[in-house]
Amino acid sequence: MTARVYTGDIRRQLPRTGRSAYTIRQDSPRTIRVSRDGPSARVWLEMLAARLQRDGYSTELQEPTAIRPLRLRITRKHART
């Protein structure tokens, strides 16, 4: 079972990655998606995923489609401490 994910917690992780051109979207109380346009979007999202995984989040890099950009799906598998 997943626990609630807060956008504020994810936003605090973003400045530490050294970039600011991103989109963050709360899709449900338990899911957040982050995307970034640009030539290094995949590298940036992979770096963010590694940082979030160290903090206990579950991440999934979702490939782009005809209408959606490359994005990182973020959930949390355990309760917030």
Protein backbone atom coordinates (compact mmCIF):
# COMPACT_ATOMS: atom_id res chain seq x y z
CA MET A 1 0.00 0.00 0.00
CA THR A 2 1.25 3.46 -0.80
CA ALA A 3 1.24 6.48 1.48
CA ARG A 4 0.38 10.08 0.68
CA VAL A 5 3.04 12.05 -1.20
CA TYR A 6 3.31 15.80 -0.62
CA THR A 7 4.40 18.15 -3.41
CA GLY A 8 6.24 20.31 -0.88
CA ASP A 9 8.48 17.38 0.06
CA ILE A 10 9.32 16.79 -3.62
CA ARG A 11 9.85 20.51 -4.31
CA ARG A 12 12.44 20.63 -1.53
CA GLN A 13 14.42 17.96 -3.40
CA LEU A 14 14.39 19.83 -6.73
CA PRO A 15 16.63 22.84 -5.93
CA ARG A 16 19.37 20.48 -4.75
CA THR A 17 19.57 18.97 -8.23
CA GLY A 18 20.85 22.26 -9.68
CA ARG A 19 18.03 22.91 -12.19
CA SER A 20 14.81 24.89 -12.05
CA ALA A 21 12.99 24.30 -15.39
CA TYR A 22 10.56 21.58 -14.36
CA THR A 23 6.85 20.85 -14.07
CA ILE A 24 5.47 19.15 -10.98
CA ARG A 25 1.91 17.78 -10.92
CA GLN A 26 -0.07 16.11 -8.12
CA ASP A 27 -2.09 13.44 -9.96
CA SER A 28 -3.60 11.95 -6.82
CA PRO A 29 -2.90 12.06 -3.07
CA ARG A 30 -0.43 9.20 -3.61
CA THR A 31 1.14 10.10 -6.97
CA ILE A 32 3.21 13.01 -8.23
CA ARG A 33 4.69 13.37 -11.69
CA VAL A 34 7.67 15.58 -12.52
CA SER A 35 8.70 16.42 -16.07
CA ARG A 36 11.35 18.60 -17.63
CA ASP A 37 11.88 19.74 -21.20
CA GLY A 38 15.29 20.07 -22.75
CA PRO A 39 18.19 18.06 -24.06
CA SER A 40 19.22 16.65 -20.67
CA ALA A 41 15.73 15.85 -19.35
CA ARG A 42 16.40 12.10 -19.02
CA VAL A 43 19.66 12.63 -17.12
CA TRP A 44 18.03 15.19 -14.82
CA LEU A 45 15.04 12.93 -14.09
CA GLU A 46 17.30 9.91 -13.46
CA MET A 47 19.37 12.00 -11.03
CA LEU A 48 16.20 13.14 -9.24
CA ALA A 49 14.91 9.54 -9.12
CA ALA A 50 18.12 8.33 -7.47
CA ARG A 51 17.90 11.09 -4.85
CA LEU A 52 14.24 10.35 -4.10
CA GLN A 53 14.85 6.60 -3.87
CA ARG A 54 17.48 7.25 -1.19
CA ASP A 55 14.79 9.14 0.73
CA GLY A 56 12.34 6.21 0.57
CA TYR A 57 10.27 7.10 -2.48
CA SER A 58 9.36 4.69 -5.27
CA THR A 59 10.05 6.16 -8.72
CA GLU A 60 9.30 5.12 -12.28
CA LEU A 61 10.60 6.87 -15.39
CA GLN A 62 7.71 6.96 -17.87
CA GLU A 63 8.60 7.18 -21.54
CA PRO A 64 7.16 9.99 -23.67
CA THR A 65 4.07 9.42 -25.77
CA ALA A 66 2.51 11.42 -28.59
CA ILE A 67 0.81 13.71 -26.05
CA ARG A 68 2.91 13.36 -22.87
CA PRO A 69 6.55 14.28 -22.23
CA LEU A 70 9.13 12.10 -20.50
CA ARG A 71 8.16 12.13 -16.84
CA LEU A 72 9.02 10.70 -13.45
CA ARG A 73 6.22 9.06 -11.45
CA ILE A 74 6.75 9.30 -7.69
CA THR A 75 4.98 7.34 -4.94
CA ARG A 76 5.90 6.36 -1.40
CA LYS A 77 5.60 2.76 -0.24
CA HIS A 78 5.64 3.44 3.49
CA ALA A 79 4.24 5.99 5.89
CA ARG A 80 5.90 9.37 6.27
CA THR A 81 8.15 9.67 9.32
